[in-house]
Amino acid sequence: MKFKHTFSLVIFVTIGVIAIFIYLNEKQTIIIEKITEPSTIVLRKLHSQNGIHALKIIGRGQLDGEAEISLILSGKPYKTEKLSRQINFEWSGDWYDDSATLEYKPSSAKKGSLKLEYEFEDFW
């Protein structure tokens, strides 16, 4: 009897921890498929989020050639990363808007892939 109670409690706690992890893990992903074409990408917070105070962007992939990606703030590049070969960058910092704009500009990119994982952080 005591074993059943303990087992039930362990299952309940485990499900709770998994639910909290899923709720708190609010990362979104965008893949730039047309690596040879310039593009403007708009990142948006989740509908469930309020009071955005930070933004984190992680870029991973590979590129045959060169390109550049910029986070735009007030119409100007705020953070810029030059991309070539193995891509591995991370941007994070204060951000108080519900969306963010990225500009991707290939210069000599012929093929490759670029995956952007991002997360708007809210006060809850």
PDB file of N, CA and C in Angstrom:
ATOM      1  N   MET A   1       0.820  -1.194   0.000  1.00  0.00           N
ATOM      2  CA  MET A   1       0.000   0.000   0.000  1.00  0.00           C
ATOM      3  C   MET A   1       0.866   1.261   0.000  1.00  0.00           C
ATOM      4  N   LYS A   2       1.895   1.268   0.854  1.00  0.00           N
ATOM      5  CA  LYS A   2       2.777   2.425   0.925  1.00  0.00           C
ATOM      6  C   LYS A   2       3.544   2.586  -0.395  1.00  0.00           C
ATOM      7  N   PHE A   3       3.922   1.467  -1.014  1.00  0.00           N
ATOM      8  CA  PHE A   3       4.641   1.500  -2.289  1.00  0.00           C
ATOM      9  C   PHE A   3       3.784   2.157  -3.369  1.00  0.00           C
ATOM     10  N   LYS A   4       2.501   1.818  -3.434  1.00  0.00           N
ATOM     11  CA  LYS A   4       1.599   2.398  -4.434  1.00  0.00           C
ATOM     12  C   LYS A   4       1.488   3.904  -4.239  1.00  0.00           C
ATOM     13  N   HIS A   5       1.384   4.336  -2.997  1.00  0.00           N
ATOM     14  CA  HIS A   5       1.283   5.762  -2.692  1.00  0.00           C
ATOM     15  C   HIS A   5       2.567   6.492  -3.115  1.00  0.00           C
ATOM     16  N   THR A   6       3.718   5.933  -2.792  1.00  0.00           N
ATOM     17  CA  THR A   6       5.004   6.534  -3.152  1.00  0.00           C
ATOM     18  C   THR A   6       5.170   6.566  -4.667  1.00  0.00           C
ATOM     19  N   PHE A   7       4.822   5.469  -5.318  1.00  0.00           N
ATOM     20  CA  PHE A   7       4.931   5.396  -6.782  1.00  0.00           C
ATOM     21  C   PHE A   7       4.027   6.444  -7.433  1.00  0.00           C
ATOM     22  N   SER A   8       2.811   6.582  -6.953  1.00  0.00           N
ATOM     23  CA  SER A   8       1.874   7.573  -7.484  1.00  0.00           C
ATOM     24  C   SER A   8       2.413   8.987  -7.295  1.00  0.00           C
ATOM     25  N   LEU A   9       2.994   9.242  -6.143  1.00  0.00           N
ATOM     26  CA  LEU A   9       3.569  10.552  -5.862  1.00  0.00           C
ATOM     27  C   LEU A   9       4.736  10.848  -6.808  1.00  0.00           C
ATOM     28  N   VAL A  10       5.601   9.876  -7.038  1.00  0.00           N
ATOM     29  CA  VAL A  10       6.738  10.046  -7.950  1.00  0.00           C
ATOM     30  C   VAL A  10       6.231  10.345  -9.363  1.00  0.00           C
ATOM     31  N   ILE A  11       5.241   9.627  -9.836  1.00  0.00           N
ATOM     32  CA  ILE A  11       4.673   9.852 -11.165  1.00  0.00           C
ATOM     33  C   ILE A  11       4.080  11.261 -11.251  1.00  0.00           C
ATOM     34  N   PHE A  12       3.320  11.649 -10.238  1.00  0.00           N
ATOM     35  CA  PHE A  12       2.694  12.975 -10.213  1.00  0.00           C
ATOM     36  C   PHE A  12       3.744  14.081 -10.270  1.00  0.00           C
ATOM     37  N   VAL A  13       4.789  13.975  -9.463  1.00  0.00           N
ATOM     38  CA  VAL A  13       5.854  14.982  -9.436  1.00  0.00           C
ATOM     39  C   VAL A  13       6.594  15.017 -10.776  1.00  0.00           C
ATOM     40  N   THR A  14       6.865  13.852 -11.350  1.00  0.00           N
ATOM     41  CA  THR A  14       7.562  13.783 -12.639  1.00  0.00           C
ATOM     42  C   THR A  14       6.750  14.471 -13.736  1.00  0.00           C
ATOM     43  N   ILE A  15       5.468  14.197 -13.785  1.00  0.00           N
ATOM     44  CA  ILE A  15       4.601  14.839 -14.783  1.00  0.00           C
ATOM     45  C   ILE A  15       4.588  16.350 -14.564  1.00  0.00           C
ATOM     46  N   GLY A  16       4.547  16.788 -13.319  1.00  0.00           N
ATOM     47  CA  GLY A  16       4.572  18.217 -13.019  1.00  0.00           C
ATOM     48  C   GLY A  16       5.856  18.883 -13.486  1.00  0.00           C
ATOM     49  N   VAL A  17       6.987  18.240 -13.238  1.00  0.00           N
ATOM     50  CA  VAL A  17       8.282  18.794 -13.659  1.00  0.00           C
ATOM     51  C   VAL A  17       8.352  18.874 -15.182  1.00  0.00           C
ATOM     52  N   ILE A  18       7.893  17.860 -15.879  1.00  0.00           N
ATOM     53  CA  ILE A  18       7.893  17.872 -17.351  1.00  0.00           C
ATOM     54  C   ILE A  18       6.988  18.985 -17.859  1.00  0.00           C
ATOM     55  N   ALA A  19       5.824  19.161 -17.271  1.00  0.00           N
ATOM     56  CA  ALA A  19       4.904  20.222 -17.694  1.00  0.00           C
ATOM     57  C   ALA A  19       5.523  21.599 -17.495  1.00  0.00           C
ATOM     58  N   ILE A  20       6.176  21.807 -16.376  1.00  0.00           N
ATOM     59  CA  ILE A  20       6.834  23.094 -16.120  1.00  0.00           C
ATOM     60  C   ILE A  20       7.956  23.324 -17.131  1.00  0.00           C
ATOM     61  N   PHE A  21       8.751  22.297 -17.409  1.00  0.00           N
ATOM     62  CA  PHE A  21       9.834  22.431 -18.383  1.00  0.00           C
ATOM     63  C   PHE A  21       9.288  22.806 -19.754  1.00  0.00           C
ATOM     64  N   ILE A  22       8.225  22.159 -20.179  1.00  0.00           N
ATOM     65  CA  ILE A  22       7.630  22.462 -21.487  1.00  0.00           C
ATOM     66  C   ILE A  22       7.096  23.891 -21.493  1.00  0.00           C
ATOM     67  N   TYR A  23       6.455  24.307 -20.404  1.00  0.00           N
ATOM     68  CA  TYR A  23       5.905  25.654 -20.326  1.00  0.00           C
ATOM     69  C   TYR A  23       7.008  26.710 -20.370  1.00  0.00           C
ATOM     70  N   LEU A  24       8.109  26.468 -19.673  1.00  0.00           N
ATOM     71  CA  LEU A  24       9.186  27.448 -19.603  1.00  0.00           C
ATOM     72  C   LEU A  24      10.077  27.431 -20.836  1.00  0.00           C
ATOM     73  N   ASN A  25      10.103  26.346 -21.573  1.00  0.00           N
ATOM     74  CA  ASN A  25      10.932  26.235 -22.758  1.00  0.00           C
ATOM     75  C   ASN A  25      10.162  26.791 -23.948  1.00  0.00           C
ATOM     76  N   GLU A  26      10.272  28.081 -24.186  1.00  0.00           N
ATOM     77  CA  GLU A  26       9.478  28.754 -25.198  1.00  0.00           C
ATOM     78  C   GLU A  26      10.319  29.129 -26.416  1.00  0.00           C
ATOM     79  N   LYS A  27      11.271  28.303 -26.761  1.00  0.00           N
ATOM     80  CA  LYS A  27      12.109  28.572 -27.920  1.00  0.00           C
ATOM     81  C   LYS A  27      11.345  28.292 -29.201  1.00  0.00           C
ATOM     82  N   GLN A  28      11.613  29.119 -30.185  1.00  0.00           N
ATOM     83  CA  GLN A  28      11.022  28.950 -31.501  1.00  0.00           C
ATOM     84  C   GLN A  28      12.159  28.794 -32.506  1.00  0.00           C
ATOM     85  N   THR A  29      11.866  28.225 -33.655  1.00  0.00           N
ATOM     86  CA  THR A  29      12.903  27.955 -34.645  1.00  0.00           C
ATOM     87  C   THR A  29      12.488  28.455 -36.019  1.00  0.00           C
ATOM     88  N   ILE A  30      13.460  29.016 -36.719  1.00  0.00           N
ATOM     89  CA  ILE A  30      13.287  29.404 -38.123  1.00  0.00           C
ATOM     90  C   ILE A  30      14.477  28.845 -38.887  1.00  0.00           C
ATOM     91  N   ILE A  31      14.226  28.302 -40.052  1.00  0.00           N
ATOM     92  CA  ILE A  31      15.291  27.812 -40.917  1.00  0.00           C
ATOM     93  C   ILE A  31      15.303  28.659 -42.183  1.00  0.00           C
ATOM     94  N   ILE A  32      16.461  29.233 -42.476  1.00  0.00           N
ATOM     95  CA  ILE A  32      16.607  29.987 -43.719  1.00  0.00           C
ATOM     96  C   ILE A  32      16.929  28.973 -44.804  1.00  0.00           C
ATOM     97  N   GLU A  33      15.962  28.751 -45.677  1.00  0.00           N
ATOM     98  CA  GLU A  33      16.107  27.716 -46.698  1.00  0.00           C
ATOM     99  C   GLU A  33      16.749  28.251 -47.977  1.00  0.00           C
ATOM    100  N   LYS A  34      16.396  29.452 -48.355  1.00  0.00           N
ATOM    101  CA  LYS A  34      16.953  30.043 -49.584  1.00  0.00           C
ATOM    102  C   LYS A  34      18.199  30.835 -49.207  1.00  0.00           C
ATOM    103  N   ILE A  35      19.269  30.113 -48.998  1.00  0.00           N
ATOM    104  CA  ILE A  35      20.514  30.648 -48.456  1.00  0.00           C
ATOM    105  C   ILE A  35      21.209  31.611 -49.427  1.00  0.00           C
ATOM    106  N   THR A  36      20.857  31.536 -50.708  1.00  0.00           N
ATOM    107  CA  THR A  36      21.491  32.390 -51.720  1.00  0.00           C
ATOM    108  C   THR A  36      20.738  33.696 -51.940  1.00  0.00           C
ATOM    109  N   GLU A  37      19.583  33.869 -51.299  1.00  0.00           N
ATOM    110  CA  GLU A  37      18.755  35.059 -51.497  1.00  0.00           C
ATOM    111  C   GLU A  37      18.677  35.903 -50.231  1.00  0.00           C
ATOM    112  N   PRO A  38      18.744  37.227 -50.366  1.00  0.00           N
ATOM    113  CA  PRO A  38      18.579  38.081 -49.186  1.00  0.00           C
ATOM    114  C   PRO A  38      17.150  37.949 -48.646  1.00  0.00           C
ATOM    115  N   SER A  39      17.011  38.105 -47.339  1.00  0.00           N
ATOM    116  CA  SER A  39      15.671  38.031 -46.764  1.00  0.00           C
ATOM    117  C   SER A  39      15.577  38.850 -45.488  1.00  0.00           C
ATOM    118  N   THR A  40      14.357  39.277 -45.218  1.00  0.00           N
ATOM    119  CA  THR A  40      14.028  39.948 -43.969  1.00  0.00           C
ATOM    120  C   THR A  40      13.157  38.987 -43.179  1.00  0.00           C
ATOM    121  N   ILE A  41      13.541  38.737 -41.945  1.00  0.00           N
ATOM    122  CA  ILE A  41      12.861  37.763 -41.099  1.00  0.00           C
ATOM    123  C   ILE A  41      12.322  38.496 -39.879  1.00  0.00           C
ATOM    124  N   VAL A  42      11.044  38.307 -39.605  1.00  0.00           N
ATOM    125  CA  VAL A  42      10.442  38.924 -38.418  1.00  0.00           C
ATOM    126  C   VAL A  42      10.196  37.832 -37.380  1.00  0.00           C
ATOM    127  N   LEU A  43      10.816  37.988 -36.235  1.00  0.00           N
ATOM    128  CA  LEU A  43      10.625  37.081 -35.104  1.00  0.00           C
ATOM    129  C   LEU A  43       9.537  37.670 -34.216  1.00  0.00           C
ATOM    130  N   ARG A  44       8.644  36.822 -33.724  1.00  0.00           N
ATOM    131  CA  ARG A  44       7.553  37.301 -32.874  1.00  0.00           C
ATOM    132  C   ARG A  44       7.482  36.492 -31.583  1.00  0.00           C
ATOM    133  N   LYS A  45       7.080  37.163 -30.523  1.00  0.00           N
ATOM    134  CA  LYS A  45       6.877  36.487 -29.249  1.00  0.00           C
ATOM    135  C   LYS A  45       5.711  35.522 -29.378  1.00  0.00           C
ATOM    136  N   LEU A  46       5.595  34.607 -28.443  1.00  0.00           N
ATOM    137  CA  LEU A  46       4.436  33.726 -28.392  1.00  0.00           C
ATOM    138  C   LEU A  46       3.222  34.533 -27.908  1.00  0.00           C
ATOM    139  N   HIS A  47       2.031  34.141 -28.344  1.00  0.00           N
ATOM    140  CA  HIS A  47       0.817  34.849 -27.933  1.00  0.00           C
ATOM    141  C   HIS A  47       0.625  34.827 -26.417  1.00  0.00           C
ATOM    142  N   SER A  48       1.130  33.805 -25.767  1.00  0.00           N
ATOM    143  CA  SER A  48       0.960  33.668 -24.317  1.00  0.00           C
ATOM    144  C   SER A  48       1.913  34.552 -23.516  1.00  0.00           C
ATOM    145  N   GLN A  49       2.848  35.208 -24.189  1.00  0.00           N
ATOM    146  CA  GLN A  49       3.855  35.994 -23.472  1.00  0.00           C
ATOM    147  C   GLN A  49       3.443  37.458 -23.339  1.00  0.00           C
ATOM    148  N   ASN A  50       3.800  38.053 -22.204  1.00  0.00           N
ATOM    149  CA  ASN A  50       3.567  39.478 -21.933  1.00  0.00           C
ATOM    150  C   ASN A  50       4.774  40.031 -21.203  1.00  0.00           C
ATOM    151  N   GLY A  51       4.998  41.330 -21.349  1.00  0.00           N
ATOM    152  CA  GLY A  51       6.091  41.970 -20.626  1.00  0.00           C
ATOM    153  C   GLY A  51       7.459  41.499 -21.073  1.00  0.00           C
ATOM    154  N   ILE A  52       7.701  41.506 -22.372  1.00  0.00           N
ATOM    155  CA  ILE A  52       8.989  41.063 -22.904  1.00  0.00           C
ATOM    156  C   ILE A  52      10.096  41.968 -22.380  1.00  0.00           C
ATOM    157  N   HIS A  53      11.207  41.350 -21.931  1.00  0.00           N
ATOM    158  CA  HIS A  53      12.328  42.139 -21.422  1.00  0.00           C
ATOM    159  C   HIS A  53      13.675  41.684 -21.987  1.00  0.00           C
ATOM    160  N   ALA A  54      13.716  40.572 -22.714  1.00  0.00           N
ATOM    161  CA  ALA A  54      14.992  40.109 -23.260  1.00  0.00           C
ATOM    162  C   ALA A  54      14.740  39.230 -24.483  1.00  0.00           C
ATOM    163  N   LEU A  55      15.786  39.105 -25.289  1.00  0.00           N
ATOM    164  CA  LEU A  55      15.739  38.282 -26.495  1.00  0.00           C
ATOM    165  C   LEU A  55      17.033  37.496 -26.594  1.00  0.00           C
ATOM    166  N   LYS A  56      16.913  36.223 -26.952  1.00  0.00           N
ATOM    167  CA  LYS A  56      18.084  35.370 -27.155  1.00  0.00           C
ATOM    168  C   LYS A  56      17.934  34.713 -28.524  1.00  0.00           C
ATOM    169  N   ILE A  57      18.992  34.793 -29.326  1.00  0.00           N
ATOM    170  CA  ILE A  57      19.003  34.184 -30.659  1.00  0.00           C
ATOM    171  C   ILE A  57      20.258  33.334 -30.778  1.00  0.00           C
ATOM    172  N   ILE A  58      20.081  32.088 -31.218  1.00  0.00           N
ATOM    173  CA  ILE A  58      21.205  31.182 -31.455  1.00  0.00           C
ATOM    174  C   ILE A  58      21.177  30.790 -32.924  1.00  0.00           C
ATOM    175  N   GLY A  59      22.301  30.956 -33.607  1.00  0.00           N
ATOM    176  CA  GLY A  59      22.409  30.575 -35.012  1.00  0.00           C
ATOM    177  C   GLY A  59      23.383  29.423 -35.185  1.00  0.00           C
ATOM    178  N   ARG A  60      22.958  28.393 -35.923  1.00  0.00           N
ATOM    179  CA  ARG A  60      23.796  27.223 -36.179  1.00  0.00           C
ATOM    180  C   ARG A  60      23.626  26.792 -37.631  1.00  0.00           C
ATOM    181  N   GLY A  61      24.691  26.256 -38.201  1.00  0.00           N
ATOM    182  CA  GLY A  61      24.602  25.723 -39.552  1.00  0.00           C
ATOM    183  C   GLY A  61      25.941  25.720 -40.244  1.00  0.00           C
ATOM    184  N   GLN A  62      25.881  25.677 -41.578  1.00  0.00           N
ATOM    185  CA  GLN A  62      27.104  25.754 -42.363  1.00  0.00           C
ATOM    186  C   GLN A  62      26.785  26.479 -43.656  1.00  0.00           C
ATOM    187  N   LEU A  63      27.802  27.080 -44.222  1.00  0.00           N
ATOM    188  CA  LEU A  63      27.620  27.896 -45.407  1.00  0.00           C
ATOM    189  C   LEU A  63      28.822  27.749 -46.325  1.00  0.00           C
ATOM    190  N   ASP A  64      28.552  27.457 -47.575  1.00  0.00           N
ATOM    191  CA  ASP A  64      29.583  27.444 -48.608  1.00  0.00           C
ATOM    192  C   ASP A  64      29.567  28.830 -49.223  1.00  0.00           C
ATOM    193  N   GLY A  65      30.467  29.680 -48.781  1.00  0.00           N
ATOM    194  CA  GLY A  65      30.495  31.083 -49.189  1.00  0.00           C
ATOM    195  C   GLY A  65      30.364  31.965 -47.966  1.00  0.00           C
ATOM    196  N   GLU A  66      29.943  33.200 -48.208  1.00  0.00           N
ATOM    197  CA  GLU A  66      29.836  34.164 -47.111  1.00  0.00           C
ATOM    198  C   GLU A  66      28.491  34.872 -47.134  1.00  0.00           C
ATOM    199  N   ALA A  67      28.060  35.286 -45.947  1.00  0.00           N
ATOM    200  CA  ALA A  67      26.825  36.049 -45.789  1.00  0.00           C
ATOM    201  C   ALA A  67      26.934  36.841 -44.491  1.00  0.00           C
ATOM    202  N   GLU A  68      25.901  37.620 -44.230  1.00  0.00           N
ATOM    203  CA  GLU A  68      25.862  38.432 -43.026  1.00  0.00           C
ATOM    204  C   GLU A  68      24.425  38.434 -42.519  1.00  0.00           C
ATOM    205  N   ILE A  69      24.270  38.408 -41.217  1.00  0.00           N
ATOM    206  CA  ILE A  69      22.940  38.521 -40.622  1.00  0.00           C
ATOM    207  C   ILE A  69      22.986  39.601 -39.553  1.00  0.00           C
ATOM    208  N   SER A  70      21.949  40.433 -39.527  1.00  0.00           N
ATOM    209  CA  SER A  70      21.909  41.546 -38.580  1.00  0.00           C
ATOM    210  C   SER A  70      20.571  41.590 -37.854  1.00  0.00           C
ATOM    211  N   LEU A  71      20.633  41.923 -36.568  1.00  0.00           N
ATOM    212  CA  LEU A  71      19.454  42.226 -35.775  1.00  0.00           C
ATOM    213  C   LEU A  71      19.243  43.731 -35.898  1.00  0.00           C
ATOM    214  N   ILE A  72      18.046  44.129 -36.295  1.00  0.00           N
ATOM    215  CA  ILE A  72      17.758  45.536 -36.572  1.00  0.00           C
ATOM    216  C   ILE A  72      17.079  46.176 -35.364  1.00  0.00           C
ATOM    217  N   LEU A  73      17.557  47.349 -34.984  1.00  0.00           N
ATOM    218  CA  LEU A  73      16.971  48.121 -33.891  1.00  0.00           C
ATOM    219  C   LEU A  73      16.843  49.563 -34.363  1.00  0.00           C
ATOM    220  N   SER A  74      15.649  50.110 -34.302  1.00  0.00           N
ATOM    221  CA  SER A  74      15.374  51.483 -34.755  1.00  0.00           C
ATOM    222  C   SER A  74      15.841  51.695 -36.194  1.00  0.00           C
ATOM    223  N   GLY A  75      15.646  50.694 -37.033  1.00  0.00           N
ATOM    224  CA  GLY A  75      15.963  50.804 -38.456  1.00  0.00           C
ATOM    225  C   GLY A  75      17.424  50.633 -38.821  1.00  0.00           C
ATOM    226  N   LYS A  76      18.280  50.347 -37.823  1.00  0.00           N
ATOM    227  CA  LYS A  76      19.713  50.212 -38.081  1.00  0.00           C
ATOM    228  C   LYS A  76      20.232  48.897 -37.516  1.00  0.00           C
ATOM    229  N   PRO A  77      21.311  48.351 -38.102  1.00  0.00           N
ATOM    230  CA  PRO A  77      21.895  47.127 -37.537  1.00  0.00           C
ATOM    231  C   PRO A  77      22.358  47.360 -36.095  1.00  0.00           C
ATOM    232  N   TYR A  78      21.898  46.491 -35.206  1.00  0.00           N
ATOM    233  CA  TYR A  78      22.241  46.565 -33.791  1.00  0.00           C
ATOM    234  C   TYR A  78      23.321  45.539 -33.457  1.00  0.00           C
ATOM    235  N   LYS A  79      23.140  44.323 -33.970  1.00  0.00           N
ATOM    236  CA  LYS A  79      24.134  43.262 -33.838  1.00  0.00           C
ATOM    237  C   LYS A  79      24.276  42.620 -35.204  1.00  0.00           C
ATOM    238  N   THR A  80      25.523  42.334 -35.590  1.00  0.00           N
ATOM    239  CA  THR A  80      25.782  41.745 -36.904  1.00  0.00           C
ATOM    240  C   THR A  80      26.765  40.600 -36.753  1.00  0.00           C
ATOM    241  N   GLU A  81      26.509  39.547 -37.511  1.00  0.00           N
ATOM    242  CA  GLU A  81      27.392  38.380 -37.512  1.00  0.00           C
ATOM    243  C   GLU A  81      27.755  38.058 -38.954  1.00  0.00           C
ATOM    244  N   LYS A  82      29.059  37.956 -39.217  1.00  0.00           N
ATOM    245  CA  LYS A  82      29.525  37.510 -40.530  1.00  0.00           C
ATOM    246  C   LYS A  82      29.502  35.989 -40.535  1.00  0.00           C
ATOM    247  N   LEU A  83      28.923  35.413 -41.568  1.00  0.00           N
ATOM    248  CA  LEU A  83      28.716  33.974 -41.636  1.00  0.00           C
ATOM    249  C   LEU A  83      29.554  33.355 -42.738  1.00  0.00           C
ATOM    250  N   SER A  84      30.216  32.256 -42.426  1.00  0.00           N
ATOM    251  CA  SER A  84      30.925  31.445 -43.412  1.00  0.00           C
ATOM    252  C   SER A  84      31.283  30.113 -42.762  1.00  0.00           C
ATOM    253  N   ARG A  85      31.458  29.106 -43.587  1.00  0.00           N
ATOM    254  CA  ARG A  85      31.792  27.740 -43.131  1.00  0.00           C
ATOM    255  C   ARG A  85      30.859  27.292 -42.016  1.00  0.00           C
ATOM    256  N   GLN A  86      31.420  26.916 -40.860  1.00  0.00           N
ATOM    257  CA  GLN A  86      30.610  26.483 -39.712  1.00  0.00           C
ATOM    258  C   GLN A  86      30.039  27.719 -39.010  1.00  0.00           C
ATOM    259  N   ILE A  87      28.743  27.730 -38.825  1.00  0.00           N
ATOM    260  CA  ILE A  87      28.060  28.864 -38.192  1.00  0.00           C
ATOM    261  C   ILE A  87      27.679  28.473 -36.774  1.00  0.00           C
ATOM    262  N   ASN A  88      28.072  29.338 -35.838  1.00  0.00           N
ATOM    263  CA  ASN A  88      27.777  29.092 -34.437  1.00  0.00           C
ATOM    264  C   ASN A  88      27.862  30.425 -33.701  1.00  0.00           C
ATOM    265  N   PHE A  89      26.709  31.083 -33.532  1.00  0.00           N
ATOM    266  CA  PHE A  89      26.729  32.355 -32.804  1.00  0.00           C
ATOM    267  C   PHE A  89      25.538  32.429 -31.862  1.00  0.00           C
ATOM    268  N   GLU A  90      25.664  33.319 -30.877  1.00  0.00           N
ATOM    269  CA  GLU A  90      24.597  33.537 -29.910  1.00  0.00           C
ATOM    270  C   GLU A  90      24.541  35.009 -29.556  1.00  0.00           C
ATOM    271  N   TRP A  91      23.350  35.570 -29.639  1.00  0.00           N
ATOM    272  CA  TRP A  91      23.096  36.932 -29.210  1.00  0.00           C
ATOM    273  C   TRP A  91      22.087  36.881 -28.078  1.00  0.00           C
ATOM    274  N   SER A  92      22.287  37.705 -27.073  1.00  0.00           N
ATOM    275  CA  SER A  92      21.278  37.835 -26.025  1.00  0.00           C
ATOM    276  C   SER A  92      21.421  39.210 -25.386  1.00  0.00           C
ATOM    277  N   GLY A  93      20.313  39.685 -24.875  1.00  0.00           N
ATOM    278  CA  GLY A  93      20.348  40.971 -24.212  1.00  0.00           C
ATOM    279  C   GLY A  93      18.953  41.525 -23.993  1.00  0.00           C
ATOM    280  N   ASP A  94      18.903  42.710 -23.421  1.00  0.00           N
ATOM    281  CA  ASP A  94      17.634  43.378 -23.166  1.00  0.00           C
ATOM    282  C   ASP A  94      16.893  43.625 -24.483  1.00  0.00           C
ATOM    283  N   TRP A  95      15.581  43.432 -24.444  1.00  0.00           N
ATOM    284  CA  TRP A  95      14.731  43.669 -25.617  1.00  0.00           C
ATOM    285  C   TRP A  95      13.335  43.921 -25.098  1.00  0.00           C
ATOM    286  N   TYR A  96      12.713  45.009 -25.519  1.00  0.00           N
ATOM    287  CA  TYR A  96      11.432  45.399 -24.943  1.00  0.00           C
ATOM    288  C   TYR A  96      10.316  45.494 -25.971  1.00  0.00           C
ATOM    289  N   ASP A  97      10.459  44.794 -27.052  1.00  0.00           N
ATOM    290  CA  ASP A  97       9.435  44.793 -28.096  1.00  0.00           C
ATOM    291  C   ASP A  97       8.912  43.370 -28.276  1.00  0.00           C
ATOM    292  N   ASP A  98       7.715  43.246 -28.826  1.00  0.00           N
ATOM    293  CA  ASP A  98       7.098  41.936 -29.037  1.00  0.00           C
ATOM    294  C   ASP A  98       7.592  41.240 -30.295  1.00  0.00           C
ATOM    295  N   SER A  99       8.418  41.932 -31.087  1.00  0.00           N
ATOM    296  CA  SER A  99       8.970  41.340 -32.305  1.00  0.00           C
ATOM    297  C   SER A  99      10.385  41.861 -32.523  1.00  0.00           C
ATOM    298  N   ALA A 100      11.085  41.202 -33.419  1.00  0.00           N
ATOM    299  CA  ALA A 100      12.449  41.610 -33.776  1.00  0.00           C
ATOM    300  C   ALA A 100      12.644  41.302 -35.253  1.00  0.00           C
ATOM    301  N   THR A 101      13.393  42.163 -35.927  1.00  0.00           N
ATOM    302  CA  THR A 101      13.641  41.987 -37.354  1.00  0.00           C
ATOM    303  C   THR A 101      15.097  41.628 -37.587  1.00  0.00           C
ATOM    304  N   LEU A 102      15.307  40.611 -38.416  1.00  0.00           N
ATOM    305  CA  LEU A 102      16.642  40.204 -38.844  1.00  0.00           C
ATOM    306  C   LEU A 102      16.758  40.435 -40.336  1.00  0.00           C
ATOM    307  N   GLU A 103      17.931  40.859 -40.779  1.00  0.00           N
ATOM    308  CA  GLU A 103      18.203  40.971 -42.207  1.00  0.00           C
ATOM    309  C   GLU A 103      19.337  40.025 -42.557  1.00  0.00           C
ATOM    310  N   TYR A 104      19.063  39.120 -43.485  1.00  0.00           N
ATOM    311  CA  TYR A 104      20.056  38.161 -43.968  1.00  0.00           C
ATOM    312  C   TYR A 104      20.508  38.615 -45.348  1.00  0.00           C
ATOM    313  N   LYS A 105      21.836  38.787 -45.521  1.00  0.00           N
ATOM    314  CA  LYS A 105      22.388  39.257 -46.794  1.00  0.00           C
ATOM    315  C   LYS A 105      23.534  38.347 -47.231  1.00  0.00           C
ATOM    316  N   PRO A 106      23.279  37.507 -48.226  1.00  0.00           N
ATOM    317  CA  PRO A 106      24.369  36.667 -48.736  1.00  0.00           C
ATOM    318  C   PRO A 106      25.260  37.489 -49.666  1.00  0.00           C
ATOM    319  N   SER A 107      26.544  37.258 -49.609  1.00  0.00           N
ATOM    320  CA  SER A 107      27.441  37.925 -50.558  1.00  0.00           C
ATOM    321  C   SER A 107      27.940  36.912 -51.579  1.00  0.00           C
ATOM    322  N   SER A 108      28.401  35.764 -51.113  1.00  0.00           N
ATOM    323  CA  SER A 108      28.875  34.730 -52.044  1.00  0.00           C
ATOM    324  C   SER A 108      28.356  33.343 -51.657  1.00  0.00           C
ATOM    325  N   ALA A 109      27.277  33.290 -50.887  1.00  0.00           N
ATOM    326  CA  ALA A 109      26.740  32.009 -50.421  1.00  0.00           C
ATOM    327  C   ALA A 109      26.197  31.201 -51.599  1.00  0.00           C
ATOM    328  N   LYS A 110      26.674  29.960 -51.714  1.00  0.00           N
ATOM    329  CA  LYS A 110      26.245  29.085 -52.805  1.00  0.00           C
ATOM    330  C   LYS A 110      25.292  28.004 -52.307  1.00  0.00           C
ATOM    331  N   LYS A 111      25.588  27.450 -51.148  1.00  0.00           N
ATOM    332  CA  LYS A 111      24.722  26.440 -50.551  1.00  0.00           C
ATOM    333  C   LYS A 111      25.013  26.366 -49.071  1.00  0.00           C
ATOM    334  N   GLY A 112      24.115  25.695 -48.361  1.00  0.00           N
ATOM    335  CA  GLY A 112      24.290  25.556 -46.925  1.00  0.00           C
ATOM    336  C   GLY A 112      22.964  25.570 -46.214  1.00  0.00           C
ATOM    337  N   SER A 113      23.039  25.731 -44.912  1.00  0.00           N
ATOM    338  CA  SER A 113      21.825  25.788 -44.097  1.00  0.00           C
ATOM    339  C   SER A 113      22.068  26.696 -42.896  1.00  0.00           C
ATOM    340  N   LEU A 114      21.010  27.344 -42.465  1.00  0.00           N
ATOM    341  CA  LEU A 114      21.092  28.215 -41.299  1.00  0.00           C
ATOM    342  C   LEU A 114      19.818  28.046 -40.476  1.00  0.00           C
ATOM    343  N   LYS A 115      20.000  27.616 -39.242  1.00  0.00           N
ATOM    344  CA  LYS A 115      18.890  27.427 -38.309  1.00  0.00           C
ATOM    345  C   LYS A 115      19.018  28.474 -37.213  1.00  0.00           C
ATOM    346  N   LEU A 116      17.934  29.206 -36.975  1.00  0.00           N
ATOM    347  CA  LEU A 116      17.894  30.214 -35.928  1.00  0.00           C
ATOM    348  C   LEU A 116      16.904  29.764 -34.859  1.00  0.00           C
ATOM    349  N   GLU A 117      17.383  29.647 -33.657  1.00  0.00           N
ATOM    350  CA  GLU A 117      16.533  29.314 -32.513  1.00  0.00           C
ATOM    351  C   GLU A 117      16.452  30.583 -31.675  1.00  0.00           C
ATOM    352  N   TYR A 118      15.238  30.993 -31.329  1.00  0.00           N
ATOM    353  CA  TYR A 118      15.116  32.246 -30.582  1.00  0.00           C
ATOM    354  C   TYR A 118      14.080  32.133 -29.485  1.00  0.00           C
ATOM    355  N   GLU A 119      14.239  33.042 -28.519  1.00  0.00           N
ATOM    356  CA  GLU A 119      13.340  33.045 -27.371  1.00  0.00           C
ATOM    357  C   GLU A 119      13.190  34.467 -26.844  1.00  0.00           C
ATOM    358  N   PHE A 120      11.957  34.931 -26.806  1.00  0.00           N
ATOM    359  CA  PHE A 120      11.645  36.186 -26.133  1.00  0.00           C
ATOM    360  C   PHE A 120      11.404  35.846 -24.664  1.00  0.00           C
ATOM    361  N   GLU A 121      12.042  36.564 -23.777  1.00  0.00           N
ATOM    362  CA  GLU A 121      11.867  36.297 -22.351  1.00  0.00           C
ATOM    363  C   GLU A 121      10.881  37.314 -21.769  1.00  0.00           C
ATOM    364  N   ASP A 122       9.900  36.789 -21.044  1.00  0.00           N
ATOM    365  CA  ASP A 122       8.922  37.664 -20.424  1.00  0.00           C
ATOM    366  C   ASP A 122       9.080  37.645 -18.906  1.00  0.00           C
ATOM    367  N   PHE A 123       8.295  38.475 -18.246  1.00  0.00           N
ATOM    368  CA  PHE A 123       8.440  38.601 -16.790  1.00  0.00           C
ATOM    369  C   PHE A 123       7.839  37.445 -16.031  1.00  0.00           C
ATOM    370  N   TRP A 124       7.026  36.647 -16.678  1.00  0.00           N
ATOM    371  CA  TRP A 124       6.543  35.463 -15.991  1.00  0.00           C
ATOM    372  C   TRP A 124       7.304  34.320 -16.486  1.00  0.00           C
TER     373      TRP A 124
END
